[in-house]
């Protein structure tokens, strides 16, 4: 799965692919998800990046690793995703 693909699970949550950019917090890592968007006027594709806080029980993910994240119930104020596979 590339960074631009989004799928849904049986329960309706999104599954995204991205790269771990920080893992300094306890049981949390930051994942940057990149997508390609076509500009409406100039018809040129641009890369858009968004960072998500992801629940990572046991701090298994390392910085620079490609991971998949899944949408889940709110875990904290900003955490709404959990790590599927590292």
PDB file of N, CA and C in Angstrom:
ATOM      1  N   UNK A   1       0.855  -1.185   0.000  1.00  0.00           N
ATOM      2  CA  UNK A   1       0.000   0.000   0.000  1.00  0.00           C
ATOM      3  C   UNK A   1       0.886   1.228   0.000  1.00  0.00           C
ATOM      4  N   UNK A   2       0.608   2.159  -0.870  1.00  0.00           N
ATOM      5  CA  UNK A   2       1.403   3.376  -0.926  1.00  0.00           C
ATOM      6  C   UNK A   2       0.854   4.405   0.043  1.00  0.00           C
ATOM      7  N   UNK A   3       1.548   5.517   0.156  1.00  0.00           N
ATOM      8  CA  UNK A   3       1.136   6.566   1.084  1.00  0.00           C
ATOM      9  C   UNK A   3      -0.164   7.235   0.681  1.00  0.00           C
ATOM     10  N   UNK A   4      -0.546   7.146  -0.587  1.00  0.00           N
ATOM     11  CA  UNK A   4      -1.726   7.864  -1.040  1.00  0.00           C
ATOM     12  C   UNK A   4      -3.003   7.036  -0.949  1.00  0.00           C
ATOM     13  N   UNK A   5      -2.889   5.766  -0.673  1.00  0.00           N
ATOM     14  CA  UNK A   5      -4.070   4.915  -0.647  1.00  0.00           C
ATOM     15  C   UNK A   5      -4.740   4.941   0.720  1.00  0.00           C
ATOM     16  N   UNK A   6      -6.060   4.934   0.692  1.00  0.00           N
ATOM     17  CA  UNK A   6      -6.852   4.880   1.913  1.00  0.00           C
ATOM     18  C   UNK A   6      -7.864   3.760   1.753  1.00  0.00           C
ATOM     19  N   UNK A   7      -7.965   2.910   2.749  1.00  0.00           N
ATOM     20  CA  UNK A   7      -8.965   1.851   2.730  1.00  0.00           C
ATOM     21  C   UNK A   7      -9.801   1.950   3.989  1.00  0.00           C
ATOM     22  N   UNK A   8     -10.897   1.225   4.004  1.00  0.00           N
ATOM     23  CA  UNK A   8     -11.736   1.189   5.196  1.00  0.00           C
ATOM     24  C   UNK A   8     -11.803  -0.235   5.710  1.00  0.00           C
ATOM     25  N   UNK A   9     -12.009  -0.364   7.014  1.00  0.00           N
ATOM     26  CA  UNK A   9     -12.137  -1.679   7.620  1.00  0.00           C
ATOM     27  C   UNK A   9     -13.604  -2.065   7.679  1.00  0.00           C
ATOM     28  N   UNK A  10     -13.883  -3.241   8.218  1.00  0.00           N
ATOM     29  CA  UNK A  10     -15.264  -3.706   8.338  1.00  0.00           C
ATOM     30  C   UNK A  10     -16.101  -2.796   9.214  1.00  0.00           C
ATOM     31  N   UNK A  11     -15.477  -2.178  10.209  1.00  0.00           N
ATOM     32  CA  UNK A  11     -16.203  -1.306  11.125  1.00  0.00           C
ATOM     33  C   UNK A  11     -16.333   0.113  10.591  1.00  0.00           C
ATOM     34  N   UNK A  12     -15.762   0.397   9.420  1.00  0.00           N
ATOM     35  CA  UNK A  12     -15.905   1.710   8.817  1.00  0.00           C
ATOM     36  C   UNK A  12     -14.788   2.672   9.096  1.00  0.00           C
ATOM     37  N   UNK A  13     -13.763   2.278   9.833  1.00  0.00           N
ATOM     38  CA  UNK A  13     -12.656   3.173  10.115  1.00  0.00           C
ATOM     39  C   UNK A  13     -11.647   3.193   8.981  1.00  0.00           C
ATOM     40  N   UNK A  14     -10.924   4.313   8.836  1.00  0.00           N
ATOM     41  CA  UNK A  14      -9.929   4.442   7.780  1.00  0.00           C
ATOM     42  C   UNK A  14      -8.628   3.753   8.165  1.00  0.00           C
ATOM     43  N   UNK A  15      -7.928   3.239   7.162  1.00  0.00           N
ATOM     44  CA  UNK A  15      -6.596   2.676   7.337  1.00  0.00           C
ATOM     45  C   UNK A  15      -5.662   3.474   6.442  1.00  0.00           C
ATOM     46  N   UNK A  16      -4.628   4.092   7.037  1.00  0.00           N
ATOM     47  CA  UNK A  16      -3.694   4.940   6.311  1.00  0.00           C
ATOM     48  C   UNK A  16      -2.281   4.384   6.424  1.00  0.00           C
ATOM     49  N   UNK A  17      -1.453   4.704   5.447  1.00  0.00           N
ATOM     50  CA  UNK A  17      -0.045   4.316   5.477  1.00  0.00           C
ATOM     51  C   UNK A  17       0.809   5.565   5.589  1.00  0.00           C
ATOM     52  N   UNK A  18       1.876   5.470   6.359  1.00  0.00           N
ATOM     53  CA  UNK A  18       2.737   6.629   6.533  1.00  0.00           C
ATOM     54  C   UNK A  18       4.083   6.251   7.118  1.00  0.00           C
ATOM     55  N   UNK A  19       4.831   7.262   7.514  1.00  0.00           N
ATOM     56  CA  UNK A  19       6.170   7.093   8.058  1.00  0.00           C
ATOM     57  C   UNK A  19       6.226   7.668   9.457  1.00  0.00           C
ATOM     58  N   UNK A  20       6.862   6.950  10.370  1.00  0.00           N
ATOM     59  CA  UNK A  20       7.022   7.426  11.744  1.00  0.00           C
ATOM     60  C   UNK A  20       8.064   8.542  11.747  1.00  0.00           C
ATOM     61  N   UNK A  21       7.686   9.706  12.289  1.00  0.00           N
ATOM     62  CA  UNK A  21       8.613  10.840  12.340  1.00  0.00           C
ATOM     63  C   UNK A  21       9.065  11.156  13.761  1.00  0.00           C
ATOM     64  N   UNK A  22       8.357  10.664  14.777  1.00  0.00           N
ATOM     65  CA  UNK A  22       8.766  10.875  16.171  1.00  0.00           C
ATOM     66  C   UNK A  22       8.181   9.766  17.027  1.00  0.00           C
ATOM     67  N   UNK A  23       8.954   9.320  18.012  1.00  0.00           N
ATOM     68  CA  UNK A  23       8.455   8.290  18.930  1.00  0.00           C
ATOM     69  C   UNK A  23       8.990   8.522  20.335  1.00  0.00           C
ATOM     70  N   UNK A  24       9.026   9.786  20.763  1.00  0.00           N
ATOM     71  CA  UNK A  24       9.598  10.132  22.062  1.00  0.00           C
ATOM     72  C   UNK A  24       8.607  10.006  23.209  1.00  0.00           C
ATOM     73  N   UNK A  25       7.300   9.998  22.884  1.00  0.00           N
ATOM     74  CA  UNK A  25       6.294   9.944  23.931  1.00  0.00           C
ATOM     75  C   UNK A  25       6.034   8.497  24.359  1.00  0.00           C
ATOM     76  N   UNK A  26       5.469   8.340  25.534  1.00  0.00           N
ATOM     77  CA  UNK A  26       5.163   7.014  26.044  1.00  0.00           C
ATOM     78  C   UNK A  26       3.893   6.504  25.376  1.00  0.00           C
ATOM     79  N   UNK A  27       3.976   5.316  24.742  1.00  0.00           N
ATOM     80  CA  UNK A  27       2.860   4.655  24.058  1.00  0.00           C
ATOM     81  C   UNK A  27       2.251   5.507  22.949  1.00  0.00           C
ATOM     82  N   UNK A  28       2.996   6.437  22.382  1.00  0.00           N
ATOM     83  CA  UNK A  28       2.507   7.304  21.315  1.00  0.00           C
ATOM     84  C   UNK A  28       3.630   7.555  20.319  1.00  0.00           C
ATOM     85  N   UNK A  29       3.279   7.569  19.038  1.00  0.00           N
ATOM     86  CA  UNK A  29       4.235   7.987  18.028  1.00  0.00           C
ATOM     87  C   UNK A  29       3.526   8.913  17.049  1.00  0.00           C
ATOM     88  N   UNK A  30       4.306   9.715  16.332  1.00  0.00           N
ATOM     89  CA  UNK A  30       3.768  10.637  15.348  1.00  0.00           C
ATOM     90  C   UNK A  30       4.033  10.060  13.963  1.00  0.00           C
ATOM     91  N   UNK A  31       2.963   9.945  13.156  1.00  0.00           N
ATOM     92  CA  UNK A  31       3.072   9.363  11.820  1.00  0.00           C
ATOM     93  C   UNK A  31       2.685  10.430  10.800  1.00  0.00           C
ATOM     94  N   UNK A  32       3.544  10.636   9.809  1.00  0.00           N
ATOM     95  CA  UNK A  32       3.273  11.577   8.719  1.00  0.00           C
ATOM     96  C   UNK A  32       2.680  10.798   7.551  1.00  0.00           C
ATOM     97  N   UNK A  33       1.472  11.184   7.137  1.00  0.00           N
ATOM     98  CA  UNK A  33       0.789  10.547   6.017  1.00  0.00           C
ATOM     99  C   UNK A  33       0.798  11.527   4.856  1.00  0.00           C
ATOM    100  N   UNK A  34       1.286  11.046   3.715  1.00  0.00           N
ATOM    101  CA  UNK A  34       1.421  11.896   2.540  1.00  0.00           C
ATOM    102  C   UNK A  34       0.367  11.507   1.506  1.00  0.00           C
ATOM    103  N   UNK A  35      -0.201  12.517   0.826  1.00  0.00           N
ATOM    104  CA  UNK A  35      -1.178  12.251  -0.224  1.00  0.00           C
ATOM    105  C   UNK A  35      -0.928  13.212  -1.367  1.00  0.00           C
ATOM    106  N   UNK A  36      -1.363  12.828  -2.559  1.00  0.00           N
ATOM    107  CA  UNK A  36      -1.203  13.660  -3.742  1.00  0.00           C
ATOM    108  C   UNK A  36      -2.546  14.267  -4.094  1.00  0.00           C
ATOM    109  N   UNK A  37      -2.568  15.593  -4.277  1.00  0.00           N
ATOM    110  CA  UNK A  37      -3.798  16.327  -4.555  1.00  0.00           C
ATOM    111  C   UNK A  37      -3.578  17.141  -5.821  1.00  0.00           C
ATOM    112  N   UNK A  38      -4.563  17.123  -6.700  1.00  0.00           N
ATOM    113  CA  UNK A  38      -4.477  17.892  -7.928  1.00  0.00           C
ATOM    114  C   UNK A  38      -4.976  19.309  -7.674  1.00  0.00           C
ATOM    115  N   UNK A  39      -4.171  20.311  -8.063  1.00  0.00           N
ATOM    116  CA  UNK A  39      -4.559  21.701  -7.876  1.00  0.00           C
ATOM    117  C   UNK A  39      -5.718  22.029  -8.813  1.00  0.00           C
ATOM    118  N   UNK A  40      -6.793  22.656  -8.285  1.00  0.00           N
ATOM    119  CA  UNK A  40      -7.978  22.872  -9.109  1.00  0.00           C
ATOM    120  C   UNK A  40      -7.758  23.802 -10.306  1.00  0.00           C
ATOM    121  N   UNK A  41      -6.904  24.794 -10.157  1.00  0.00           N
ATOM    122  CA  UNK A  41      -6.701  25.745 -11.251  1.00  0.00           C
ATOM    123  C   UNK A  41      -5.562  25.334 -12.180  1.00  0.00           C
ATOM    124  N   UNK A  42      -4.415  24.981 -11.585  1.00  0.00           N
ATOM    125  CA  UNK A  42      -3.219  24.730 -12.379  1.00  0.00           C
ATOM    126  C   UNK A  42      -3.060  23.276 -12.809  1.00  0.00           C
ATOM    127  N   UNK A  43      -3.905  22.376 -12.312  1.00  0.00           N
ATOM    128  CA  UNK A  43      -3.919  20.959 -12.697  1.00  0.00           C
ATOM    129  C   UNK A  43      -2.587  20.257 -12.425  1.00  0.00           C
ATOM    130  N   UNK A  44      -1.843  20.781 -11.479  1.00  0.00           N
ATOM    131  CA  UNK A  44      -0.567  20.185 -11.118  1.00  0.00           C
ATOM    132  C   UNK A  44      -0.751  19.433  -9.798  1.00  0.00           C
ATOM    133  N   UNK A  45      -0.096  18.279  -9.673  1.00  0.00           N
ATOM    134  CA  UNK A  45      -0.219  17.493  -8.456  1.00  0.00           C
ATOM    135  C   UNK A  45       0.737  18.000  -7.391  1.00  0.00           C
ATOM    136  N   UNK A  46       0.241  18.070  -6.160  1.00  0.00           N
ATOM    137  CA  UNK A  46       1.037  18.527  -5.029  1.00  0.00           C
ATOM    138  C   UNK A  46       1.037  17.457  -3.958  1.00  0.00           C
ATOM    139  N   UNK A  47       2.123  17.398  -3.197  1.00  0.00           N
ATOM    140  CA  UNK A  47       2.178  16.492  -2.055  1.00  0.00           C
ATOM    141  C   UNK A  47       1.672  17.234  -0.828  1.00  0.00           C
ATOM    142  N   UNK A  48       0.723  16.645  -0.152  1.00  0.00           N
ATOM    143  CA  UNK A  48       0.212  17.211   1.107  1.00  0.00           C
ATOM    144  C   UNK A  48       0.535  16.211   2.213  1.00  0.00           C
ATOM    145  N   UNK A  49       1.071  16.709   3.318  1.00  0.00           N
ATOM    146  CA  UNK A  49       1.455  15.863   4.438  1.00  0.00           C
ATOM    147  C   UNK A  49       0.671  16.278   5.673  1.00  0.00           C
ATOM    148  N   UNK A  50       0.184  15.291   6.397  1.00  0.00           N
ATOM    149  CA  UNK A  50      -0.518  15.544   7.649  1.00  0.00           C
ATOM    150  C   UNK A  50       0.044  14.591   8.699  1.00  0.00           C
ATOM    151  N   UNK A  51       0.228  15.114   9.911  1.00  0.00           N
ATOM    152  CA  UNK A  51       0.765  14.305  11.003  1.00  0.00           C
ATOM    153  C   UNK A  51      -0.364  13.856  11.920  1.00  0.00           C
ATOM    154  N   UNK A  52      -0.329  12.594  12.308  1.00  0.00           N
ATOM    155  CA  UNK A  52      -1.309  12.024  13.227  1.00  0.00           C
ATOM    156  C   UNK A  52      -0.586  11.485  14.449  1.00  0.00           C
ATOM    157  N   UNK A  53      -1.195  11.677  15.626  1.00  0.00           N
ATOM    158  CA  UNK A  53      -0.704  11.013  16.831  1.00  0.00           C
ATOM    159  C   UNK A  53      -1.332   9.627  16.870  1.00  0.00           C
ATOM    160  N   UNK A  54      -0.502   8.613  17.068  1.00  0.00           N
ATOM    161  CA  UNK A  54      -0.940   7.221  16.959  1.00  0.00           C
ATOM    162  C   UNK A  54      -0.611   6.494  18.249  1.00  0.00           C
ATOM    163  N   UNK A  55      -1.563   5.676  18.723  1.00  0.00           N
ATOM    164  CA  UNK A  55      -1.339   4.866  19.914  1.00  0.00           C
ATOM    165  C   UNK A  55      -0.447   3.692  19.539  1.00  0.00           C
ATOM    166  N   UNK A  56       0.689   3.585  20.209  1.00  0.00           N
ATOM    167  CA  UNK A  56       1.682   2.546  19.939  1.00  0.00           C
ATOM    168  C   UNK A  56       2.018   1.867  21.263  1.00  0.00           C
ATOM    169  N   UNK A  57       1.226   0.854  21.622  1.00  0.00           N
ATOM    170  CA  UNK A  57       1.423   0.174  22.899  1.00  0.00           C
ATOM    171  C   UNK A  57       2.777  -0.526  22.907  1.00  0.00           C
ATOM    172  N   UNK A  58       3.601  -0.184  23.875  1.00  0.00           N
ATOM    173  CA  UNK A  58       4.912  -0.792  24.010  1.00  0.00           C
ATOM    174  C   UNK A  58       6.011  -0.120  23.221  1.00  0.00           C
ATOM    175  N   UNK A  59       5.726   0.991  22.575  1.00  0.00           N
ATOM    176  CA  UNK A  59       6.721   1.739  21.794  1.00  0.00           C
ATOM    177  C   UNK A  59       7.486   0.838  20.825  1.00  0.00           C
ATOM    178  N   UNK A  60       6.761   0.168  19.922  1.00  0.00           N
ATOM    179  CA  UNK A  60       7.381  -0.781  19.002  1.00  0.00           C
ATOM    180  C   UNK A  60       7.908  -0.128  17.734  1.00  0.00           C
ATOM    181  N   UNK A  61       7.378   1.017  17.333  1.00  0.00           N
ATOM    182  CA  UNK A  61       7.766   1.646  16.071  1.00  0.00           C
ATOM    183  C   UNK A  61       9.006   2.515  16.249  1.00  0.00           C
ATOM    184  N   UNK A  62       9.877   2.491  15.237  1.00  0.00           N
ATOM    185  CA  UNK A  62      11.089   3.303  15.241  1.00  0.00           C
ATOM    186  C   UNK A  62      10.944   4.428  14.212  1.00  0.00           C
ATOM    187  N   UNK A  63      11.702   5.493  14.391  1.00  0.00           N
ATOM    188  CA  UNK A  63      11.648   6.636  13.482  1.00  0.00           C
ATOM    189  C   UNK A  63      12.121   6.202  12.094  1.00  0.00           C
ATOM    190  N   UNK A  64      11.384   6.613  11.068  1.00  0.00           N
ATOM    191  CA  UNK A  64      11.718   6.270   9.696  1.00  0.00           C
ATOM    192  C   UNK A  64      11.058   5.009   9.188  1.00  0.00           C
ATOM    193  N   UNK A  65      10.346   4.315  10.038  1.00  0.00           N
ATOM    194  CA  UNK A  65       9.707   3.048   9.663  1.00  0.00           C
ATOM    195  C   UNK A  65       8.375   3.297   8.972  1.00  0.00           C
ATOM    196  N   UNK A  66       8.066   2.498   7.938  1.00  0.00           N
ATOM    197  CA  UNK A  66       6.776   2.568   7.254  1.00  0.00           C
ATOM    198  C   UNK A  66       5.766   1.768   8.069  1.00  0.00           C
ATOM    199  N   UNK A  67       4.603   2.392   8.377  1.00  0.00           N
ATOM    200  CA  UNK A  67       3.598   1.739   9.209  1.00  0.00           C
ATOM    201  C   UNK A  67       2.206   1.945   8.619  1.00  0.00           C
ATOM    202  N   UNK A  68       1.272   1.132   9.086  1.00  0.00           N
ATOM    203  CA  UNK A  68      -0.144   1.315   8.771  1.00  0.00           C
ATOM    204  C   UNK A  68      -0.862   1.662  10.060  1.00  0.00           C
ATOM    205  N   UNK A  69      -1.774   2.634   9.975  1.00  0.00           N
ATOM    206  CA  UNK A  69      -2.532   3.050  11.148  1.00  0.00           C
ATOM    207  C   UNK A  69      -4.014   2.915  10.856  1.00  0.00           C
ATOM    208  N   UNK A  70      -4.793   2.657  11.916  1.00  0.00           N
ATOM    209  CA  UNK A  70      -6.225   2.429  11.784  1.00  0.00           C
ATOM    210  C   UNK A  70      -6.980   3.390  12.679  1.00  0.00           C
ATOM    211  N   UNK A  71      -8.077   3.925  12.162  1.00  0.00           N
ATOM    212  CA  UNK A  71      -8.922   4.827  12.938  1.00  0.00           C
ATOM    213  C   UNK A  71      -9.606   4.034  14.045  1.00  0.00           C
ATOM    214  N   UNK A  72      -9.700   4.639  15.220  1.00  0.00           N
ATOM    215  CA  UNK A  72     -10.294   3.958  16.372  1.00  0.00           C
ATOM    216  C   UNK A  72     -11.017   4.979  17.243  1.00  0.00           C
ATOM    217  N   UNK A  73     -11.523   4.539  18.357  1.00  0.00           N
ATOM    218  CA  UNK A  73     -12.207   5.438  19.285  1.00  0.00           C
ATOM    219  C   UNK A  73     -11.204   6.449  19.836  1.00  0.00           C
ATOM    220  N   UNK A  74     -11.655   7.602  20.323  1.00  0.00           N
ATOM    221  CA  UNK A  74     -10.713   8.573  20.895  1.00  0.00           C
ATOM    222  C   UNK A  74      -9.991   8.009  22.118  1.00  0.00           C
ATOM    223  N   UNK A  75      -8.678   8.050  22.081  1.00  0.00           N
ATOM    224  CA  UNK A  75      -7.864   7.548  23.184  1.00  0.00           C
ATOM    225  C   UNK A  75      -7.457   8.694  24.099  1.00  0.00           C
ATOM    226  N   UNK A  76      -7.192   9.850  23.503  1.00  0.00           N
ATOM    227  CA  UNK A  76      -6.897  11.059  24.270  1.00  0.00           C
ATOM    228  C   UNK A  76      -7.379  12.245  23.461  1.00  0.00           C
ATOM    229  N   UNK A  77      -6.955  13.443  23.830  1.00  0.00           N
ATOM    230  CA  UNK A  77      -7.450  14.643  23.148  1.00  0.00           C
ATOM    231  C   UNK A  77      -7.132  14.632  21.655  1.00  0.00           C
ATOM    232  N   UNK A  78      -5.937  14.203  21.270  1.00  0.00           N
ATOM    233  CA  UNK A  78      -5.537  14.231  19.855  1.00  0.00           C
ATOM    234  C   UNK A  78      -5.316  12.855  19.238  1.00  0.00           C
ATOM    235  N   UNK A  79      -5.338  11.778  20.036  1.00  0.00           N
ATOM    236  CA  UNK A  79      -5.074  10.444  19.501  1.00  0.00           C
ATOM    237  C   UNK A  79      -6.381   9.771  19.081  1.00  0.00           C
ATOM    238  N   UNK A  80      -6.519   9.513  17.756  1.00  0.00           N
ATOM    239  CA  UNK A  80      -7.690   8.819  17.229  1.00  0.00           C
ATOM    240  C   UNK A  80      -7.302   7.660  16.338  1.00  0.00           C
ATOM    241  N   UNK A  81      -6.014   7.297  16.311  1.00  0.00           N
ATOM    242  CA  UNK A  81      -5.518   6.204  15.477  1.00  0.00           C
ATOM    243  C   UNK A  81      -4.687   5.271  16.328  1.00  0.00           C
ATOM    244  N   UNK A  82      -4.605   3.993  15.879  1.00  0.00           N
ATOM    245  CA  UNK A  82      -3.744   3.030  16.536  1.00  0.00           C
ATOM    246  C   UNK A  82      -2.896   2.325  15.492  1.00  0.00           C
ATOM    247  N   UNK A  83      -1.762   1.818  15.907  1.00  0.00           N
ATOM    248  CA  UNK A  83      -0.812   1.171  15.018  1.00  0.00           C
ATOM    249  C   UNK A  83      -1.335  -0.205  14.638  1.00  0.00           C
ATOM    250  N   UNK A  84      -1.397  -0.497  13.335  1.00  0.00           N
ATOM    251  CA  UNK A  84      -1.841  -1.809  12.868  1.00  0.00           C
ATOM    252  C   UNK A  84      -0.643  -2.717  12.676  1.00  0.00           C
ATOM    253  N   UNK A  85       0.292  -2.307  11.821  1.00  0.00           N
ATOM    254  CA  UNK A  85       1.507  -3.093  11.668  1.00  0.00           C
ATOM    255  C   UNK A  85       2.697  -2.180  11.456  1.00  0.00           C
ATOM    256  N   UNK A  86       3.784  -2.580  12.084  1.00  0.00           N
ATOM    257  CA  UNK A  86       4.995  -1.769  12.012  1.00  0.00           C
ATOM    258  C   UNK A  86       5.928  -2.290  10.953  1.00  0.00           C
TER     259      UNK A  86
END
